[in-house]
Amino acid sequence: GTSYHPTGVGTIMYELAANDYVTWNIGTFAGSGSGSSTIYGAKGTR
């Protein structure tokens, strides 16, 4: 069908100095067809 509800997981290790900061960035998305691509606002997104 055309509905797909995956869970994606990723990790990283950084060496940080005091006061360095880390964020997670959405980046870009590649898909085909028209429709929506959504990050759900649920506790499963963390």
ModelCIF file with pLDDT and N, C-alpha, C, O atoms, coordinates in Angstrom:
data_MODEL
#
_entry.id   MODEL 
#
_entity.id                         1 
_entity.type                       polymer 
_entity.pdbx_number_of_molecules   1 
#
_entity_poly.entity_id                      1 
_entity_poly.type                           'polypeptide(L)' 
_entity_poly.nstd_linkage                   no 
_entity_poly.nstd_monomer                   no 
_entity_poly.pdbx_seq_one_letter_code       GTSYHPTGVGTIMYELAANDYVTWNIGTFAGSGSGSSTIYGAKGTR 
_entity_poly.pdbx_seq_one_letter_code_can   GTSYHPTGVGTIMYELAANDYVTWNIGTFAGSGSGSSTIYGAKGTR 
_entity_poly.pdbx_strand_id                 A 
#
loop_
_entity_poly_seq.entity_id 
_entity_poly_seq.num 
_entity_poly_seq.mon_id 
_entity_poly_seq.hetero 
1 1  GLY n 
1 2  THR n 
1 3  SER n 
1 4  TYR n 
1 5  HIS n 
1 6  PRO n 
1 7  THR n 
1 8  GLY n 
1 9  VAL n 
1 10 GLY n 
1 11 THR n 
1 12 ILE n 
1 13 MET n 
1 14 TYR n 
1 15 GLU n 
1 16 LEU n 
1 17 ALA n 
1 18 ALA n 
1 19 ASN n 
1 20 ASP n 
1 21 TYR n 
1 22 VAL n 
1 23 THR n 
1 24 TRP n 
1 25 ASN n 
1 26 ILE n 
1 27 GLY n 
1 28 THR n 
1 29 PHE n 
1 30 ALA n 
1 31 GLY n 
1 32 SER n 
1 33 GLY n 
1 34 SER n 
1 35 GLY n 
1 36 SER n 
1 37 SER n 
1 38 THR n 
1 39 ILE n 
1 40 TYR n 
1 41 GLY n 
1 42 ALA n 
1 43 LYS n 
1 44 GLY n 
1 45 THR n 
1 46 ARG n 
#
_struct_asym.id          A 
_struct_asym.entity_id   1 
#
loop_
_ma_qa_metric.id 
_ma_qa_metric.mode 
_ma_qa_metric.name 
_ma_qa_metric.software_group_id 
_ma_qa_metric.type 
1 global pLDDT . pLDDT 
2 local  pLDDT . pLDDT 
#
_ma_qa_metric_global.metric_id      1 
_ma_qa_metric_global.metric_value   83.61 
_ma_qa_metric_global.model_id       1 
_ma_qa_metric_global.ordinal_id     1 
#
loop_
_ma_qa_metric_local.label_asym_id 
_ma_qa_metric_local.label_comp_id 
_ma_qa_metric_local.label_seq_id 
_ma_qa_metric_local.metric_id 
_ma_qa_metric_local.metric_value 
_ma_qa_metric_local.model_id 
_ma_qa_metric_local.ordinal_id 
A GLY 1  2 52.00 1 1  
A THR 2  2 57.00 1 2  
A SER 3  2 61.00 1 3  
A TYR 4  2 65.00 1 4  
A HIS 5  2 70.00 1 5  
A PRO 6  2 74.00 1 6  
A THR 7  2 76.00 1 7  
A GLY 8  2 83.00 1 8  
A VAL 9  2 88.00 1 9  
A GLY 10 2 91.00 1 10 
A THR 11 2 93.00 1 11 
A ILE 12 2 94.00 1 12 
A MET 13 2 96.00 1 13 
A TYR 14 2 96.00 1 14 
A GLU 15 2 97.00 1 15 
A LEU 16 2 97.00 1 16 
A ALA 17 2 98.00 1 17 
A ALA 18 2 98.00 1 18 
A ASN 19 2 98.00 1 19 
A ASP 20 2 98.00 1 20 
A TYR 21 2 98.00 1 21 
A VAL 22 2 98.00 1 22 
A THR 23 2 97.00 1 23 
A TRP 24 2 95.00 1 24 
A ASN 25 2 94.00 1 25 
A ILE 26 2 90.00 1 26 
A GLY 27 2 89.00 1 27 
A THR 28 2 86.00 1 28 
A PHE 29 2 81.00 1 29 
A ALA 30 2 77.00 1 30 
A GLY 31 2 73.00 1 31 
A SER 32 2 70.00 1 32 
A GLY 33 2 69.00 1 33 
A SER 34 2 73.00 1 34 
A GLY 35 2 72.00 1 35 
A SER 36 2 77.00 1 36 
A SER 37 2 80.00 1 37 
A THR 38 2 80.00 1 38 
A ILE 39 2 84.00 1 39 
A TYR 40 2 80.00 1 40 
A GLY 41 2 79.00 1 41 
A ALA 42 2 78.00 1 42 
A LYS 43 2 80.00 1 43 
A GLY 44 2 83.00 1 44 
A THR 45 2 89.00 1 45 
A ARG 46 2 92.00 1 46 
#
loop_
_atom_site.group_PDB 
_atom_site.id 
_atom_site.type_symbol 
_atom_site.label_atom_id 
_atom_site.label_alt_id 
_atom_site.label_comp_id 
_atom_site.label_asym_id 
_atom_site.label_entity_id 
_atom_site.label_seq_id 
_atom_site.pdbx_PDB_ins_code 
_atom_site.Cartn_x 
_atom_site.Cartn_y 
_atom_site.Cartn_z 
_atom_site.occupancy 
_atom_site.B_iso_or_equiv 
_atom_site.pdbx_formal_charge 
_atom_site.auth_seq_id 
_atom_site.auth_comp_id 
_atom_site.auth_asym_id 
_atom_site.auth_atom_id 
_atom_site.pdbx_PDB_model_num 
ATOM 1   N N  . GLY A 1 1  ? 0.819  -1.204 0.000  1.00 52.00 ? 1  GLY A N  1 
ATOM 2   C CA . GLY A 1 1  ? 0.000  0.000  0.000  1.00 52.00 ? 1  GLY A CA 1 
ATOM 3   C C  . GLY A 1 1  ? 0.852  1.252  0.000  1.00 52.00 ? 1  GLY A C  1 
ATOM 4   O O  . GLY A 1 1  ? 2.025  1.208  -0.370 1.00 52.00 ? 1  GLY A O  1 
ATOM 5   N N  . THR A 1 2  ? 0.277  2.353  0.407  1.00 57.00 ? 2  THR A N  1 
ATOM 6   C CA . THR A 1 2  ? 1.016  3.604  0.401  1.00 57.00 ? 2  THR A CA 1 
ATOM 7   C C  . THR A 1 2  ? 1.231  4.160  1.802  1.00 57.00 ? 2  THR A C  1 
ATOM 8   O O  . THR A 1 2  ? 1.708  5.287  1.936  1.00 57.00 ? 2  THR A O  1 
ATOM 9   N N  . SER A 1 3  ? 0.900  3.420  2.840  1.00 61.00 ? 3  SER A N  1 
ATOM 10  C CA . SER A 1 3  ? 1.143  3.872  4.202  1.00 61.00 ? 3  SER A CA 1 
ATOM 11  C C  . SER A 1 3  ? 2.257  3.034  4.811  1.00 61.00 ? 3  SER A C  1 
ATOM 12  O O  . SER A 1 3  ? 2.263  1.808  4.706  1.00 61.00 ? 3  SER A O  1 
ATOM 13  N N  . TYR A 1 4  ? 3.186  3.710  5.440  1.00 65.00 ? 4  TYR A N  1 
ATOM 14  C CA . TYR A 1 4  ? 4.371  3.056  5.973  1.00 65.00 ? 4  TYR A CA 1 
ATOM 15  C C  . TYR A 1 4  ? 4.700  3.748  7.291  1.00 65.00 ? 4  TYR A C  1 
ATOM 16  O O  . TYR A 1 4  ? 4.854  4.969  7.309  1.00 65.00 ? 4  TYR A O  1 
ATOM 17  N N  . HIS A 1 5  ? 4.814  3.004  8.407  1.00 70.00 ? 5  HIS A N  1 
ATOM 18  C CA . HIS A 1 5  ? 5.028  3.582  9.734  1.00 70.00 ? 5  HIS A CA 1 
ATOM 19  C C  . HIS A 1 5  ? 6.235  2.954  10.414 1.00 70.00 ? 5  HIS A C  1 
ATOM 20  O O  . HIS A 1 5  ? 6.080  2.144  11.327 1.00 70.00 ? 5  HIS A O  1 
ATOM 21  N N  . PRO A 1 6  ? 7.432  3.318  9.981  1.00 74.00 ? 6  PRO A N  1 
ATOM 22  C CA . PRO A 1 6  ? 8.637  2.716  10.578 1.00 74.00 ? 6  PRO A CA 1 
ATOM 23  C C  . PRO A 1 6  ? 9.102  3.460  11.820 1.00 74.00 ? 6  PRO A C  1 
ATOM 24  O O  . PRO A 1 6  ? 8.690  4.587  12.091 1.00 74.00 ? 6  PRO A O  1 
ATOM 25  N N  . THR A 1 7  ? 9.972  2.791  12.564 1.00 76.00 ? 7  THR A N  1 
ATOM 26  C CA . THR A 1 7  ? 10.705 3.412  13.656 1.00 76.00 ? 7  THR A CA 1 
ATOM 27  C C  . THR A 1 7  ? 12.175 3.363  13.260 1.00 76.00 ? 7  THR A C  1 
ATOM 28  O O  . THR A 1 7  ? 12.685 2.305  12.890 1.00 76.00 ? 7  THR A O  1 
ATOM 29  N N  . GLY A 1 8  ? 12.858 4.500  13.334 1.00 83.00 ? 8  GLY A N  1 
ATOM 30  C CA . GLY A 1 8  ? 14.275 4.572  12.999 1.00 83.00 ? 8  GLY A CA 1 
ATOM 31  C C  . GLY A 1 8  ? 15.076 4.888  14.253 1.00 83.00 ? 8  GLY A C  1 
ATOM 32  O O  . GLY A 1 8  ? 14.631 5.662  15.101 1.00 83.00 ? 8  GLY A O  1 
ATOM 33  N N  . VAL A 1 9  ? 16.266 4.286  14.372 1.00 88.00 ? 9  VAL A N  1 
ATOM 34  C CA . VAL A 1 9  ? 17.120 4.483  15.541 1.00 88.00 ? 9  VAL A CA 1 
ATOM 35  C C  . VAL A 1 9  ? 18.543 4.752  15.067 1.00 88.00 ? 9  VAL A C  1 
ATOM 36  O O  . VAL A 1 9  ? 19.022 4.110  14.132 1.00 88.00 ? 9  VAL A O  1 
ATOM 37  N N  . GLY A 1 10 ? 19.217 5.698  15.711 1.00 91.00 ? 10 GLY A N  1 
ATOM 38  C CA . GLY A 1 10 ? 20.611 5.991  15.400 1.00 91.00 ? 10 GLY A CA 1 
ATOM 39  C C  . GLY A 1 10 ? 21.350 6.420  16.651 1.00 91.00 ? 10 GLY A C  1 
ATOM 40  O O  . GLY A 1 10 ? 20.744 6.955  17.580 1.00 91.00 ? 10 GLY A O  1 
ATOM 41  N N  . THR A 1 11 ? 22.662 6.190  16.685 1.00 93.00 ? 11 THR A N  1 
ATOM 42  C CA . THR A 1 11 ? 23.490 6.596  17.823 1.00 93.00 ? 11 THR A CA 1 
ATOM 43  C C  . THR A 1 11 ? 24.790 7.210  17.318 1.00 93.00 ? 11 THR A C  1 
ATOM 44  O O  . THR A 1 11 ? 25.187 7.014  16.169 1.00 93.00 ? 11 THR A O  1 
ATOM 45  N N  . ILE A 1 12 ? 25.438 7.953  18.197 1.00 94.00 ? 12 ILE A N  1 
ATOM 46  C CA . ILE A 1 12 ? 26.733 8.571  17.894 1.00 94.00 ? 12 ILE A CA 1 
ATOM 47  C C  . ILE A 1 12 ? 27.498 8.748  19.202 1.00 94.00 ? 12 ILE A C  1 
ATOM 48  O O  . ILE A 1 12 ? 26.893 8.871  20.267 1.00 94.00 ? 12 ILE A O  1 
ATOM 49  N N  . MET A 1 13 ? 28.815 8.760  19.120 1.00 96.00 ? 13 MET A N  1 
ATOM 50  C CA . MET A 1 13 ? 29.643 9.115  20.271 1.00 96.00 ? 13 MET A CA 1 
ATOM 51  C C  . MET A 1 13 ? 30.476 10.322 19.865 1.00 96.00 ? 13 MET A C  1 
ATOM 52  O O  . MET A 1 13 ? 31.137 10.315 18.826 1.00 96.00 ? 13 MET A O  1 
ATOM 53  N N  . TYR A 1 14 ? 30.438 11.354 20.692 1.00 96.00 ? 14 TYR A N  1 
ATOM 54  C CA . TYR A 1 14 ? 31.215 12.569 20.461 1.00 96.00 ? 14 TYR A CA 1 
ATOM 55  C C  . TYR A 1 14 ? 32.202 12.763 21.598 1.00 96.00 ? 14 TYR A C  1 
ATOM 56  O O  . TYR A 1 14 ? 31.912 12.426 22.746 1.00 96.00 ? 14 TYR A O  1 
ATOM 57  N N  . GLU A 1 15 ? 33.366 13.305 21.277 1.00 97.00 ? 15 GLU A N  1 
ATOM 58  C CA . GLU A 1 15 ? 34.261 13.820 22.302 1.00 97.00 ? 15 GLU A CA 1 
ATOM 59  C C  . GLU A 1 15 ? 33.956 15.304 22.394 1.00 97.00 ? 15 GLU A C  1 
ATOM 60  O O  . GLU A 1 15 ? 34.122 16.036 21.418 1.00 97.00 ? 15 GLU A O  1 
ATOM 61  N N  . LEU A 1 16 ? 33.509 15.751 23.565 1.00 97.00 ? 16 LEU A N  1 
ATOM 62  C CA . LEU A 1 16 ? 33.083 17.130 23.749 1.00 97.00 ? 16 LEU A CA 1 
ATOM 63  C C  . LEU A 1 16 ? 33.961 17.851 24.760 1.00 97.00 ? 16 LEU A C  1 
ATOM 64  O O  . LEU A 1 16 ? 34.435 17.248 25.724 1.00 97.00 ? 16 LEU A O  1 
ATOM 65  N N  . ALA A 1 17 ? 34.174 19.131 24.540 1.00 98.00 ? 17 ALA A N  1 
ATOM 66  C CA . ALA A 1 17 ? 34.776 20.008 25.530 1.00 98.00 ? 17 ALA A CA 1 
ATOM 67  C C  . ALA A 1 17 ? 33.637 20.572 26.379 1.00 98.00 ? 17 ALA A C  1 
ATOM 68  O O  . ALA A 1 17 ? 32.480 20.533 25.962 1.00 98.00 ? 17 ALA A O  1 
ATOM 69  N N  . ALA A 1 18 ? 33.952 21.088 27.550 1.00 98.00 ? 18 ALA A N  1 
ATOM 70  C CA . ALA A 1 18 ? 32.926 21.746 28.366 1.00 98.00 ? 18 ALA A CA 1 
ATOM 71  C C  . ALA A 1 18 ? 32.296 22.862 27.532 1.00 98.00 ? 18 ALA A C  1 
ATOM 72  O O  . ALA A 1 18 ? 33.004 23.626 26.876 1.00 98.00 ? 18 ALA A O  1 
ATOM 73  N N  . ASN A 1 19 ? 30.978 22.953 27.560 1.00 98.00 ? 19 ASN A N  1 
ATOM 74  C CA . ASN A 1 19 ? 30.158 23.948 26.858 1.00 98.00 ? 19 ASN A CA 1 
ATOM 75  C C  . ASN A 1 19 ? 29.939 23.674 25.372 1.00 98.00 ? 19 ASN A C  1 
ATOM 76  O O  . ASN A 1 19 ? 29.264 24.463 24.711 1.00 98.00 ? 19 ASN A O  1 
ATOM 77  N N  . ASP A 1 20 ? 30.485 22.582 24.817 1.00 98.00 ? 20 ASP A N  1 
ATOM 78  C CA . ASP A 1 20 ? 30.072 22.159 23.468 1.00 98.00 ? 20 ASP A CA 1 
ATOM 79  C C  . ASP A 1 20 ? 28.620 21.726 23.558 1.00 98.00 ? 20 ASP A C  1 
ATOM 80  O O  . ASP A 1 20 ? 28.160 21.298 24.617 1.00 98.00 ? 20 ASP A O  1 
ATOM 81  N N  . TYR A 1 21 ? 27.897 21.835 22.451 1.00 98.00 ? 21 TYR A N  1 
ATOM 82  C CA . TYR A 1 21 ? 26.503 21.377 22.463 1.00 98.00 ? 21 TYR A CA 1 
ATOM 83  C C  . TYR A 1 21 ? 26.220 20.456 21.287 1.00 98.00 ? 21 TYR A C  1 
ATOM 84  O O  . TYR A 1 21 ? 26.879 20.520 20.249 1.00 98.00 ? 21 TYR A O  1 
ATOM 85  N N  . VAL A 1 22 ? 25.226 19.602 21.472 1.00 98.00 ? 22 VAL A N  1 
ATOM 86  C CA . VAL A 1 22 ? 24.828 18.625 20.458 1.00 98.00 ? 22 VAL A CA 1 
ATOM 87  C C  . VAL A 1 22 ? 23.330 18.758 20.219 1.00 98.00 ? 22 VAL A C  1 
ATOM 88  O O  . VAL A 1 22 ? 22.544 18.897 21.156 1.00 98.00 ? 22 VAL A O  1 
ATOM 89  N N  . THR A 1 23 ? 22.950 18.712 18.936 1.00 97.00 ? 23 THR A N  1 
ATOM 90  C CA . THR A 1 23 ? 21.549 18.704 18.534 1.00 97.00 ? 23 THR A CA 1 
ATOM 91  C C  . THR A 1 23 ? 21.338 17.558 17.556 1.00 97.00 ? 23 THR A C  1 
ATOM 92  O O  . THR A 1 23 ? 22.292 16.976 17.039 1.00 97.00 ? 23 THR A O  1 
ATOM 93  N N  . TRP A 1 24 ? 20.071 17.247 17.316 1.00 95.00 ? 24 TRP A N  1 
ATOM 94  C CA . TRP A 1 24 ? 19.733 16.289 16.265 1.00 95.00 ? 24 TRP A CA 1 
ATOM 95  C C  . TRP A 1 24 ? 18.962 17.051 15.200 1.00 95.00 ? 24 TRP A C  1 
ATOM 96  O O  . TRP A 1 24 ? 18.000 17.762 15.492 1.00 95.00 ? 24 TRP A O  1 
ATOM 97  N N  . ASN A 1 25 ? 19.413 16.885 13.943 1.00 94.00 ? 25 ASN A N  1 
ATOM 98  C CA . ASN A 1 25 ? 18.886 17.661 12.828 1.00 94.00 ? 25 ASN A CA 1 
ATOM 99  C C  . ASN A 1 25 ? 18.128 16.752 11.866 1.00 94.00 ? 25 ASN A C  1 
ATOM 100 O O  . ASN A 1 25 ? 18.581 15.651 11.552 1.00 94.00 ? 25 ASN A O  1 
ATOM 101 N N  . ILE A 1 26 ? 16.978 17.219 11.404 1.00 90.00 ? 26 ILE A N  1 
ATOM 102 C CA . ILE A 1 26 ? 16.112 16.442 10.520 1.00 90.00 ? 26 ILE A CA 1 
ATOM 103 C C  . ILE A 1 26 ? 16.793 16.108 9.196  1.00 90.00 ? 26 ILE A C  1 
ATOM 104 O O  . ILE A 1 26 ? 16.540 15.043 8.635  1.00 90.00 ? 26 ILE A O  1 
ATOM 105 N N  . GLY A 1 27 ? 17.641 16.983 8.689  1.00 89.00 ? 27 GLY A N  1 
ATOM 106 C CA . GLY A 1 27 ? 18.325 16.731 7.433  1.00 89.00 ? 27 GLY A CA 1 
ATOM 107 C C  . GLY A 1 27 ? 17.370 16.790 6.259  1.00 89.00 ? 27 GLY A C  1 
ATOM 108 O O  . GLY A 1 27 ? 16.455 17.613 6.236  1.00 89.00 ? 27 GLY A O  1 
ATOM 109 N N  . THR A 1 28 ? 17.580 15.919 5.284  1.00 86.00 ? 28 THR A N  1 
ATOM 110 C CA . THR A 1 28 ? 16.741 15.897 4.083  1.00 86.00 ? 28 THR A CA 1 
ATOM 111 C C  . THR A 1 28 ? 16.114 14.523 3.903  1.00 86.00 ? 28 THR A C  1 
ATOM 112 O O  . THR A 1 28 ? 16.528 13.549 4.531  1.00 86.00 ? 28 THR A O  1 
ATOM 113 N N  . PHE A 1 29 ? 15.114 14.460 3.041  1.00 81.00 ? 29 PHE A N  1 
ATOM 114 C CA . PHE A 1 29 ? 14.355 13.234 2.831  1.00 81.00 ? 29 PHE A CA 1 
ATOM 115 C C  . PHE A 1 29 ? 14.225 12.954 1.338  1.00 81.00 ? 29 PHE A C  1 
ATOM 116 O O  . PHE A 1 29 ? 13.984 13.865 0.546  1.00 81.00 ? 29 PHE A O  1 
ATOM 117 N N  . ALA A 1 30 ? 14.384 11.701 0.965  1.00 77.00 ? 30 ALA A N  1 
ATOM 118 C CA . ALA A 1 30 ? 14.190 11.286 -0.425 1.00 77.00 ? 30 ALA A CA 1 
ATOM 119 C C  . ALA A 1 30 ? 13.079 10.241 -0.468 1.00 77.00 ? 30 ALA A C  1 
ATOM 120 O O  . ALA A 1 30 ? 13.176 9.192  0.168  1.00 77.00 ? 30 ALA A O  1 
ATOM 121 N N  . GLY A 1 31 ? 12.045 10.532 -1.207 1.00 73.00 ? 31 GLY A N  1 
ATOM 122 C CA . GLY A 1 31 ? 10.925 9.608  -1.373 1.00 73.00 ? 31 GLY A CA 1 
ATOM 123 C C  . GLY A 1 31 ? 10.338 9.780  -2.752 1.00 73.00 ? 31 GLY A C  1 
ATOM 124 O O  . GLY A 1 31 ? 10.744 10.671 -3.499 1.00 73.00 ? 31 GLY A O  1 
ATOM 125 N N  . SER A 1 32 ? 9.394  8.942  -3.094 1.00 70.00 ? 32 SER A N  1 
ATOM 126 C CA . SER A 1 32 ? 8.763  9.068  -4.406 1.00 70.00 ? 32 SER A CA 1 
ATOM 127 C C  . SER A 1 32 ? 7.253  9.052  -4.252 1.00 70.00 ? 32 SER A C  1 
ATOM 128 O O  . SER A 1 32 ? 6.715  8.390  -3.364 1.00 70.00 ? 32 SER A O  1 
ATOM 129 N N  . GLY A 1 33 ? 6.579  9.781  -5.118 1.00 69.00 ? 33 GLY A N  1 
ATOM 130 C CA . GLY A 1 33 ? 5.134  9.879  -5.070 1.00 69.00 ? 33 GLY A CA 1 
ATOM 131 C C  . GLY A 1 33 ? 4.704  11.082 -4.253 1.00 69.00 ? 33 GLY A C  1 
ATOM 132 O O  . GLY A 1 33 ? 5.517  11.690 -3.557 1.00 69.00 ? 33 GLY A O  1 
ATOM 133 N N  . SER A 1 34 ? 3.451  11.420 -4.335 1.00 73.00 ? 34 SER A N  1 
ATOM 134 C CA . SER A 1 34 ? 2.951  12.544 -3.550 1.00 73.00 ? 34 SER A CA 1 
ATOM 135 C C  . SER A 1 34 ? 2.364  12.013 -2.246 1.00 73.00 ? 34 SER A C  1 
ATOM 136 O O  . SER A 1 34 ? 1.996  10.842 -2.155 1.00 73.00 ? 34 SER A O  1 
ATOM 137 N N  . GLY A 1 35 ? 2.280  12.864 -1.260 1.00 72.00 ? 35 GLY A N  1 
ATOM 138 C CA . GLY A 1 35 ? 1.745  12.475 0.039  1.00 72.00 ? 35 GLY A CA 1 
ATOM 139 C C  . GLY A 1 35 ? 2.544  13.114 1.143  1.00 72.00 ? 35 GLY A C  1 
ATOM 140 O O  . GLY A 1 35 ? 3.256  14.093 0.918  1.00 72.00 ? 35 GLY A O  1 
ATOM 141 N N  . SER A 1 36 ? 2.430  12.570 2.333  1.00 77.00 ? 36 SER A N  1 
ATOM 142 C CA . SER A 1 36 ? 3.090  13.188 3.484  1.00 77.00 ? 36 SER A CA 1 
ATOM 143 C C  . SER A 1 36 ? 4.217  12.326 4.025  1.00 77.00 ? 36 SER A C  1 
ATOM 144 O O  . SER A 1 36 ? 4.240  11.107 3.853  1.00 77.00 ? 36 SER A O  1 
ATOM 145 N N  . SER A 1 37 ? 5.149  12.998 4.684  1.00 80.00 ? 37 SER A N  1 
ATOM 146 C CA . SER A 1 37 ? 6.240  12.344 5.418  1.00 80.00 ? 37 SER A CA 1 
ATOM 147 C C  . SER A 1 37 ? 6.297  13.051 6.774  1.00 80.00 ? 37 SER A C  1 
ATOM 148 O O  . SER A 1 37 ? 6.571  14.249 6.847  1.00 80.00 ? 37 SER A O  1 
ATOM 149 N N  . THR A 1 38 ? 6.038  12.304 7.835  1.00 80.00 ? 38 THR A N  1 
ATOM 150 C CA . THR A 1 38 ? 5.780  12.897 9.143  1.00 80.00 ? 38 THR A CA 1 
ATOM 151 C C  . THR A 1 38 ? 6.597  12.241 10.242 1.00 80.00 ? 38 THR A C  1 
ATOM 152 O O  . THR A 1 38 ? 6.775  11.023 10.256 1.00 80.00 ? 38 THR A O  1 
ATOM 153 N N  . ILE A 1 39 ? 7.097  13.065 11.172 1.00 84.00 ? 39 ILE A N  1 
ATOM 154 C CA . ILE A 1 39 ? 7.640  12.562 12.432 1.00 84.00 ? 39 ILE A CA 1 
ATOM 155 C C  . ILE A 1 39 ? 6.511  12.729 13.438 1.00 84.00 ? 39 ILE A C  1 
ATOM 156 O O  . ILE A 1 39 ? 6.042  13.842 13.677 1.00 84.00 ? 39 ILE A O  1 
ATOM 157 N N  . TYR A 1 40 ? 6.078  11.622 14.025 1.00 80.00 ? 40 TYR A N  1 
ATOM 158 C CA . TYR A 1 40 ? 4.965  11.680 14.965 1.00 80.00 ? 40 TYR A CA 1 
ATOM 159 C C  . TYR A 1 40 ? 5.404  12.267 16.305 1.00 80.00 ? 40 TYR A C  1 
ATOM 160 O O  . TYR A 1 40 ? 6.504  12.003 16.791 1.00 80.00 ? 40 TYR A O  1 
ATOM 161 N N  . GLY A 1 41 ? 4.524  13.061 16.880 1.00 79.00 ? 41 GLY A N  1 
ATOM 162 C CA . GLY A 1 41 ? 4.785  13.691 18.168 1.00 79.00 ? 41 GLY A CA 1 
ATOM 163 C C  . GLY A 1 41 ? 4.408  12.788 19.320 1.00 79.00 ? 41 GLY A C  1 
ATOM 164 O O  . GLY A 1 41 ? 3.636  13.188 20.191 1.00 79.00 ? 41 GLY A O  1 
ATOM 165 N N  . ALA A 1 42 ? 4.930  11.597 19.342 1.00 78.00 ? 42 ALA A N  1 
ATOM 166 C CA . ALA A 1 42 ? 4.617  10.619 20.386 1.00 78.00 ? 42 ALA A CA 1 
ATOM 167 C C  . ALA A 1 42 ? 5.871  10.329 21.200 1.00 78.00 ? 42 ALA A C  1 
ATOM 168 O O  . ALA A 1 42 ? 6.971  10.717 20.809 1.00 78.00 ? 42 ALA A O  1 
ATOM 169 N N  . LYS A 1 43 ? 5.708  9.651  22.327 1.00 80.00 ? 43 LYS A N  1 
ATOM 170 C CA . LYS A 1 43 ? 6.867  9.298  23.140 1.00 80.00 ? 43 LYS A CA 1 
ATOM 171 C C  . LYS A 1 43 ? 7.813  8.355  22.415 1.00 80.00 ? 43 LYS A C  1 
ATOM 172 O O  . LYS A 1 43 ? 8.957  8.184  22.837 1.00 80.00 ? 43 LYS A O  1 
ATOM 173 N N  . GLY A 1 44 ? 7.352  7.738  21.328 1.00 83.00 ? 44 GLY A N  1 
ATOM 174 C CA . GLY A 1 44 ? 8.212  6.898  20.507 1.00 83.00 ? 44 GLY A CA 1 
ATOM 175 C C  . GLY A 1 44 ? 9.260  7.686  19.754 1.00 83.00 ? 44 GLY A C  1 
ATOM 176 O O  . GLY A 1 44 ? 10.175 7.100  19.175 1.00 83.00 ? 44 GLY A O  1 
ATOM 177 N N  . THR A 1 45 ? 9.146  9.012  19.750 1.00 89.00 ? 45 THR A N  1 
ATOM 178 C CA . THR A 1 45 ? 10.125 9.907  19.147 1.00 89.00 ? 45 THR A CA 1 
ATOM 179 C C  . THR A 1 45 ? 10.894 10.541 20.295 1.00 89.00 ? 45 THR A C  1 
ATOM 180 O O  . THR A 1 45 ? 10.347 11.350 21.045 1.00 89.00 ? 45 THR A O  1 
ATOM 181 N N  . ARG A 1 46 ? 12.189 10.166 20.433 1.00 92.00 ? 46 ARG A N  1 
ATOM 182 C CA . ARG A 1 46 ? 12.954 10.638 21.590 1.00 92.00 ? 46 ARG A CA 1 
ATOM 183 C C  . ARG A 1 46 ? 14.444 10.770 21.287 1.00 92.00 ? 46 ARG A C  1 
ATOM 184 O O  . ARG A 1 46 ? 15.220 11.157 22.160 1.00 92.00 ? 46 ARG A O  1 
#
